[in-house]
């Protein structure tokens, strides 16, 4: 059995938004008991992240680490059509990931106790983001 559904979110700018419950709801609606859920963000300046969901400072620290790897406004960047965060956002997206595949067990996402699924916005300004969820199983 296959099921596919898109969710859309509006971000407030650079942030991470937990989407675990939305994706789990789609899994439950699909009727799949055992299988896989593939989650894909349809953008080049945002990411999908599986992260600890108990302490929000983990995501704050991850943002700090990523800012060291892909700093905003680096004068060496040639691509800056949409501002200082333009190339940095693309770099952050490439350094992280735009998709993830998660197991489905007993009709629900099989996440660990402290795991949460997040959309990670890499731009300063708010954006409308589309996330495609494809479920396969029985």
N, C-alpha and C. Protein backbone atom coordinates (compact mmCIF):
# COMPACT_ATOMS: atom_id res chain seq x y z
N UNK A 1 0.83 -1.17 0.00
CA UNK A 1 0.00 0.00 0.00
C UNK A 1 0.89 1.25 0.00
N UNK A 2 0.45 2.23 -0.75
CA UNK A 2 1.14 3.52 -0.81
C UNK A 2 0.17 4.62 -0.41
N UNK A 3 0.70 5.64 0.23
CA UNK A 3 -0.09 6.82 0.60
C UNK A 3 0.84 8.02 0.51
N UNK A 4 0.35 9.12 -0.06
CA UNK A 4 1.19 10.32 -0.15
C UNK A 4 0.36 11.54 0.20
N UNK A 5 0.97 12.42 0.97
CA UNK A 5 0.27 13.64 1.39
C UNK A 5 1.30 14.75 1.60
N UNK A 6 0.88 15.97 1.30
CA UNK A 6 1.74 17.13 1.47
C UNK A 6 1.23 17.97 2.63
N UNK A 7 2.18 18.46 3.44
CA UNK A 7 1.83 19.45 4.45
C UNK A 7 2.56 20.74 4.11
N UNK A 8 1.95 21.86 4.48
CA UNK A 8 2.58 23.16 4.27
C UNK A 8 2.64 23.90 5.58
N UNK A 9 3.77 24.53 5.81
CA UNK A 9 4.00 25.29 7.03
C UNK A 9 4.54 26.65 6.67
N UNK A 10 4.21 27.64 7.46
CA UNK A 10 4.82 28.94 7.33
C UNK A 10 5.77 29.12 8.50
N UNK A 11 7.02 29.37 8.20
CA UNK A 11 8.02 29.56 9.25
C UNK A 11 8.04 31.04 9.66
N UNK A 12 8.66 31.31 10.78
CA UNK A 12 8.85 32.68 11.25
C UNK A 12 10.25 33.18 10.93
N UNK A 13 10.94 32.54 10.01
CA UNK A 13 12.34 32.83 9.77
C UNK A 13 13.16 31.71 10.34
N UNK A 14 14.42 31.95 10.55
CA UNK A 14 15.34 30.89 10.99
C UNK A 14 14.87 30.30 12.32
N UNK A 15 14.50 29.01 12.25
CA UNK A 15 13.98 28.31 13.41
C UNK A 15 13.84 26.83 13.08
N UNK A 16 13.53 26.04 14.09
CA UNK A 16 13.15 24.64 13.86
C UNK A 16 11.74 24.45 14.41
N UNK A 17 10.93 23.73 13.63
CA UNK A 17 9.53 23.51 13.98
C UNK A 17 9.31 22.00 14.05
N UNK A 18 8.85 21.52 15.19
CA UNK A 18 8.60 20.08 15.30
C UNK A 18 7.38 19.69 14.48
N UNK A 19 7.56 18.66 13.66
CA UNK A 19 6.49 18.16 12.79
C UNK A 19 6.15 16.70 13.09
N UNK A 20 6.66 16.17 14.19
CA UNK A 20 6.43 14.75 14.54
C UNK A 20 4.96 14.39 14.57
N UNK A 21 4.16 15.20 15.25
CA UNK A 21 2.73 14.89 15.40
C UNK A 21 2.00 14.93 14.06
N UNK A 22 2.35 15.91 13.20
CA UNK A 22 1.69 16.00 11.90
C UNK A 22 2.01 14.78 11.04
N UNK A 23 3.28 14.37 11.03
CA UNK A 23 3.67 13.21 10.22
C UNK A 23 3.06 11.94 10.81
N UNK A 24 3.06 11.81 12.13
CA UNK A 24 2.45 10.64 12.77
C UNK A 24 0.96 10.56 12.45
N UNK A 25 0.30 11.70 12.41
CA UNK A 25 -1.12 11.71 12.05
C UNK A 25 -1.36 11.21 10.64
N UNK A 26 -0.49 11.60 9.71
CA UNK A 26 -0.60 11.12 8.33
C UNK A 26 -0.36 9.62 8.26
N UNK A 27 0.60 9.14 9.04
CA UNK A 27 0.86 7.69 9.10
C UNK A 27 -0.40 6.97 9.58
N UNK A 28 -1.00 7.45 10.65
CA UNK A 28 -2.20 6.80 11.18
C UNK A 28 -3.34 6.83 10.15
N UNK A 29 -3.52 7.97 9.47
CA UNK A 29 -4.56 8.09 8.44
C UNK A 29 -4.35 7.11 7.29
N UNK A 30 -3.09 6.79 7.01
CA UNK A 30 -2.78 5.92 5.86
C UNK A 30 -3.26 4.49 6.09
N UNK A 31 -3.36 4.07 7.33
CA UNK A 31 -3.75 2.70 7.63
C UNK A 31 -2.60 1.71 7.59
N UNK A 32 -1.40 2.17 7.24
CA UNK A 32 -0.23 1.28 7.19
C UNK A 32 0.16 0.91 8.61
N UNK A 33 0.34 -0.39 8.86
CA UNK A 33 0.73 -0.88 10.18
C UNK A 33 2.24 -1.10 10.30
N UNK A 34 2.85 -1.57 9.20
CA UNK A 34 4.28 -1.83 9.18
C UNK A 34 4.81 -1.31 7.85
N UNK A 35 5.84 -0.46 7.92
CA UNK A 35 6.37 0.08 6.67
C UNK A 35 7.34 1.21 6.91
N UNK A 36 7.37 2.13 5.95
CA UNK A 36 8.30 3.25 5.98
C UNK A 36 7.58 4.54 5.65
N UNK A 37 8.00 5.61 6.30
CA UNK A 37 7.51 6.95 5.99
C UNK A 37 8.70 7.78 5.51
N UNK A 38 8.60 8.25 4.28
CA UNK A 38 9.64 9.11 3.72
C UNK A 38 9.16 10.55 3.79
N UNK A 39 9.97 11.43 4.39
CA UNK A 39 9.62 12.83 4.59
C UNK A 39 10.64 13.67 3.82
N UNK A 40 10.13 14.52 2.90
CA UNK A 40 10.99 15.28 1.98
C UNK A 40 10.55 16.74 1.95
N UNK A 41 11.47 17.66 2.24
CA UNK A 41 11.17 19.09 2.15
C UNK A 41 11.51 19.54 0.72
N UNK A 42 10.58 20.22 0.07
CA UNK A 42 10.70 20.57 -1.34
C UNK A 42 11.35 21.94 -1.53
N UNK A 43 12.47 22.16 -0.84
CA UNK A 43 13.14 23.46 -0.90
C UNK A 43 14.65 23.27 -0.76
N UNK A 44 15.42 24.28 -1.17
CA UNK A 44 16.88 24.21 -1.11
C UNK A 44 17.47 25.10 -0.04
N UNK A 45 16.63 25.65 0.83
CA UNK A 45 17.16 26.47 1.93
C UNK A 45 16.45 26.13 3.25
N UNK A 46 16.02 24.88 3.36
CA UNK A 46 15.45 24.34 4.59
C UNK A 46 15.81 22.86 4.65
N UNK A 47 15.72 22.29 5.84
CA UNK A 47 16.11 20.89 6.04
C UNK A 47 15.07 20.14 6.86
N UNK A 48 15.22 18.83 6.85
CA UNK A 48 14.50 17.93 7.74
C UNK A 48 15.52 17.42 8.75
N UNK A 49 15.13 17.40 10.02
CA UNK A 49 16.08 17.03 11.06
C UNK A 49 15.41 16.09 12.07
N UNK A 50 16.09 15.00 12.39
CA UNK A 50 15.71 14.13 13.50
C UNK A 50 16.61 14.52 14.66
N UNK A 51 16.02 14.96 15.76
CA UNK A 51 16.80 15.54 16.83
C UNK A 51 16.18 15.23 18.18
N UNK A 52 16.95 15.42 19.21
CA UNK A 52 16.42 15.29 20.56
C UNK A 52 15.30 16.31 20.75
N UNK A 53 14.19 15.88 21.37
CA UNK A 53 13.05 16.78 21.52
C UNK A 53 12.75 17.15 22.97
N UNK A 54 13.61 16.79 23.91
CA UNK A 54 13.34 17.08 25.32
C UNK A 54 13.92 18.43 25.75
N UNK A 55 15.09 18.77 25.24
CA UNK A 55 15.76 20.00 25.66
C UNK A 55 15.97 20.90 24.44
N UNK A 56 15.25 22.02 24.35
CA UNK A 56 15.36 22.89 23.17
C UNK A 56 16.74 23.52 22.99
N UNK A 57 17.58 23.50 24.03
CA UNK A 57 18.92 24.07 23.86
C UNK A 57 19.77 23.23 22.90
N UNK A 58 19.40 21.98 22.70
CA UNK A 58 20.11 21.16 21.71
C UNK A 58 20.00 21.81 20.33
N UNK A 59 18.79 22.24 19.97
CA UNK A 59 18.59 22.87 18.66
C UNK A 59 19.25 24.23 18.59
N UNK A 60 19.30 24.96 19.71
CA UNK A 60 20.01 26.25 19.75
C UNK A 60 21.50 26.01 19.49
N UNK A 61 22.06 25.00 20.13
CA UNK A 61 23.48 24.68 19.93
C UNK A 61 23.75 24.18 18.51
N UNK A 62 22.83 23.41 17.94
CA UNK A 62 23.00 22.97 16.55
C UNK A 62 23.01 24.16 15.61
N UNK A 63 22.15 25.14 15.86
CA UNK A 63 22.15 26.36 15.05
C UNK A 63 23.50 27.08 15.14
N UNK A 64 24.06 27.14 16.34
CA UNK A 64 25.37 27.77 16.53
C UNK A 64 26.45 27.01 15.76
N UNK A 65 26.43 25.69 15.83
CA UNK A 65 27.42 24.88 15.10
C UNK A 65 27.30 25.10 13.60
N UNK A 66 26.07 25.10 13.10
CA UNK A 66 25.87 25.28 11.67
C UNK A 66 26.27 26.69 11.22
N UNK A 67 26.09 27.68 12.08
CA UNK A 67 26.50 29.04 11.72
C UNK A 67 28.02 29.14 11.57
N UNK A 68 28.74 28.29 12.24
CA UNK A 68 30.21 28.26 12.09
C UNK A 68 30.61 27.62 10.76
N UNK A 69 29.82 26.62 10.32
CA UNK A 69 30.14 25.93 9.08
C UNK A 69 29.69 26.70 7.85
N UNK A 70 28.57 27.41 7.96
CA UNK A 70 28.01 28.17 6.83
C UNK A 70 27.59 29.55 7.33
N UNK A 71 28.57 30.43 7.54
CA UNK A 71 28.25 31.75 8.11
C UNK A 71 27.50 32.64 7.12
N UNK A 72 26.59 33.42 7.65
CA UNK A 72 25.87 34.40 6.84
C UNK A 72 26.83 35.50 6.37
N UNK A 73 26.60 35.98 5.15
CA UNK A 73 27.33 37.14 4.64
C UNK A 73 28.81 36.97 4.40
N UNK A 74 29.28 35.74 4.26
CA UNK A 74 30.71 35.52 3.99
C UNK A 74 31.06 36.23 2.68
N UNK A 75 32.07 37.11 2.69
CA UNK A 75 32.41 37.85 1.46
C UNK A 75 32.90 36.96 0.32
N UNK A 76 33.24 35.71 0.61
CA UNK A 76 33.69 34.79 -0.45
C UNK A 76 32.51 34.25 -1.26
N UNK A 77 31.29 34.36 -0.74
CA UNK A 77 30.12 33.86 -1.46
C UNK A 77 29.87 34.69 -2.71
N UNK A 78 29.56 34.01 -3.79
CA UNK A 78 29.18 34.69 -5.03
C UNK A 78 27.67 34.76 -5.19
N UNK A 79 26.97 33.81 -4.61
CA UNK A 79 25.51 33.74 -4.71
C UNK A 79 24.90 34.47 -3.50
N UNK A 80 24.40 35.67 -3.74
CA UNK A 80 23.80 36.45 -2.65
C UNK A 80 22.60 37.26 -3.15
N UNK A 81 21.90 36.73 -4.15
CA UNK A 81 20.79 37.45 -4.78
C UNK A 81 19.69 37.85 -3.79
N UNK A 82 19.49 37.04 -2.77
CA UNK A 82 18.38 37.30 -1.84
C UNK A 82 18.86 37.71 -0.45
N UNK A 83 20.09 38.19 -0.35
CA UNK A 83 20.58 38.70 0.93
C UNK A 83 21.72 37.91 1.51
N UNK A 84 22.18 38.36 2.68
CA UNK A 84 23.34 37.76 3.35
C UNK A 84 23.14 36.30 3.73
N UNK A 85 21.90 35.90 3.93
CA UNK A 85 21.65 34.51 4.34
C UNK A 85 21.41 33.57 3.16
N UNK A 86 21.46 34.09 1.93
CA UNK A 86 21.09 33.30 0.75
C UNK A 86 22.00 32.09 0.57
N UNK A 87 23.26 32.30 0.35
CA UNK A 87 24.18 31.17 0.12
C UNK A 87 24.35 30.34 1.39
N UNK A 88 24.38 31.00 2.54
CA UNK A 88 24.51 30.26 3.80
C UNK A 88 23.35 29.28 3.96
N UNK A 89 22.13 29.71 3.60
CA UNK A 89 20.97 28.83 3.72
C UNK A 89 21.09 27.63 2.79
N UNK A 90 21.57 27.85 1.57
CA UNK A 90 21.77 26.73 0.66
C UNK A 90 22.84 25.78 1.19
N UNK A 91 23.92 26.35 1.70
CA UNK A 91 24.99 25.52 2.28
C UNK A 91 24.51 24.71 3.46
N UNK A 92 23.72 25.33 4.32
CA UNK A 92 23.18 24.63 5.48
C UNK A 92 22.29 23.46 5.06
N UNK A 93 21.52 23.69 4.01
CA UNK A 93 20.64 22.63 3.50
C UNK A 93 21.45 21.45 2.98
N UNK A 94 22.54 21.74 2.28
CA UNK A 94 23.39 20.67 1.74
C UNK A 94 24.13 19.95 2.86
N UNK A 95 24.56 20.68 3.88
CA UNK A 95 25.30 20.07 4.99
C UNK A 95 24.40 19.21 5.89
N UNK A 96 23.12 19.48 5.87
CA UNK A 96 22.20 18.70 6.68
C UNK A 96 21.50 17.71 5.75
N UNK A 97 20.18 17.71 5.66
CA UNK A 97 19.51 16.82 4.73
C UNK A 97 18.12 17.35 4.39
N UNK A 98 17.64 17.00 3.23
CA UNK A 98 16.29 17.44 2.84
C UNK A 98 15.27 16.31 2.93
N UNK A 99 15.70 15.13 3.40
CA UNK A 99 14.76 14.03 3.55
C UNK A 99 15.22 13.05 4.61
N UNK A 100 14.26 12.24 5.04
CA UNK A 100 14.55 11.18 6.00
C UNK A 100 13.51 10.08 5.82
N UNK A 101 13.92 8.85 6.05
CA UNK A 101 13.01 7.72 6.01
C UNK A 101 12.94 7.14 7.41
N UNK A 102 11.72 6.99 7.91
CA UNK A 102 11.49 6.52 9.28
C UNK A 102 10.65 5.26 9.27
N UNK A 103 10.88 4.35 10.22
CA UNK A 103 10.08 3.13 10.29
C UNK A 103 8.68 3.39 10.86
N UNK A 104 7.76 2.58 10.39
CA UNK A 104 6.40 2.56 10.92
C UNK A 104 6.21 1.19 11.58
N UNK A 105 5.76 1.20 12.83
CA UNK A 105 5.49 -0.04 13.56
C UNK A 105 4.16 0.12 14.29
N UNK A 106 3.32 -0.89 14.19
CA UNK A 106 2.01 -0.85 14.86
C UNK A 106 1.21 0.40 14.50
N UNK A 107 1.31 0.82 13.25
CA UNK A 107 0.50 1.93 12.76
C UNK A 107 0.96 3.32 13.16
N UNK A 108 2.18 3.43 13.70
CA UNK A 108 2.68 4.73 14.13
C UNK A 108 4.16 4.87 13.82
N UNK A 109 4.64 6.10 13.81
CA UNK A 109 6.08 6.31 13.65
C UNK A 109 6.82 5.63 14.79
N UNK A 110 7.90 4.94 14.47
CA UNK A 110 8.68 4.23 15.49
C UNK A 110 9.87 5.09 15.91
N UNK A 111 9.56 6.25 16.49
CA UNK A 111 10.61 7.15 16.97
C UNK A 111 11.06 6.71 18.36
N UNK A 112 12.31 7.02 18.68
CA UNK A 112 12.82 6.76 20.02
C UNK A 112 12.23 7.72 21.02
N UNK A 113 12.42 7.44 22.29
CA UNK A 113 11.83 8.22 23.38
C UNK A 113 12.13 9.70 23.28
N UNK A 114 13.36 10.07 22.93
CA UNK A 114 13.76 11.47 22.93
C UNK A 114 13.90 12.03 21.53
N UNK A 115 13.33 11.37 20.53
CA UNK A 115 13.48 11.83 19.15
C UNK A 115 12.27 12.62 18.69
N UNK A 116 12.55 13.70 17.96
CA UNK A 116 11.51 14.50 17.33
C UNK A 116 11.92 14.81 15.90
N UNK A 117 10.95 14.97 15.04
CA UNK A 117 11.18 15.30 13.64
C UNK A 117 10.90 16.78 13.45
N UNK A 118 11.82 17.49 12.79
CA UNK A 118 11.73 18.94 12.67
C UNK A 118 11.94 19.41 11.24
N UNK A 119 11.25 20.48 10.89
CA UNK A 119 11.59 21.29 9.73
C UNK A 119 12.55 22.34 10.25
N UNK A 120 13.70 22.47 9.58
CA UNK A 120 14.72 23.43 10.01
C UNK A 120 14.82 24.51 8.93
N UNK A 121 14.30 25.67 9.23
CA UNK A 121 14.33 26.81 8.32
C UNK A 121 15.69 27.49 8.43
N UNK A 122 16.32 27.73 7.27
CA UNK A 122 17.66 28.34 7.26
C UNK A 122 17.66 29.80 6.81
N UNK A 123 16.51 30.35 6.45
CA UNK A 123 16.45 31.75 6.00
C UNK A 123 16.00 32.65 7.14
N UNK A 124 16.37 33.93 7.07
CA UNK A 124 15.96 34.92 8.07
C UNK A 124 14.47 35.22 8.01
N UNK A 125 13.95 35.36 6.80
CA UNK A 125 12.57 35.78 6.59
C UNK A 125 11.60 34.59 6.66
N UNK A 126 10.36 34.83 7.01
CA UNK A 126 9.35 33.77 6.98
C UNK A 126 9.20 33.20 5.56
N UNK A 127 8.98 31.91 5.47
CA UNK A 127 8.77 31.23 4.19
C UNK A 127 7.65 30.21 4.33
N UNK A 128 6.98 29.96 3.24
CA UNK A 128 5.97 28.90 3.17
C UNK A 128 6.71 27.66 2.67
N UNK A 129 6.70 26.59 3.44
CA UNK A 129 7.45 25.39 3.12
C UNK A 129 6.50 24.21 2.87
N UNK A 130 6.82 23.43 1.84
CA UNK A 130 6.05 22.23 1.50
C UNK A 130 6.87 21.00 1.85
N UNK A 131 6.21 20.07 2.50
CA UNK A 131 6.85 18.82 2.90
C UNK A 131 5.99 17.67 2.38
N UNK A 132 6.60 16.79 1.59
CA UNK A 132 5.90 15.65 1.01
C UNK A 132 6.18 14.42 1.88
N UNK A 133 5.13 13.76 2.31
CA UNK A 133 5.25 12.53 3.08
C UNK A 133 4.73 11.39 2.22
N UNK A 134 5.58 10.39 2.01
CA UNK A 134 5.21 9.21 1.23
C UNK A 134 5.33 7.99 2.13
N UNK A 135 4.25 7.25 2.22
CA UNK A 135 4.19 6.10 3.12
C UNK A 135 4.02 4.83 2.29
N UNK A 136 4.82 3.83 2.63
CA UNK A 136 4.75 2.55 1.95
C UNK A 136 4.73 1.45 3.02
N UNK A 137 3.85 0.50 2.83
CA UNK A 137 3.81 -0.61 3.78
C UNK A 137 2.52 -1.40 3.67
N UNK A 138 2.26 -2.14 4.73
CA UNK A 138 1.05 -2.96 4.76
C UNK A 138 0.34 -2.83 6.09
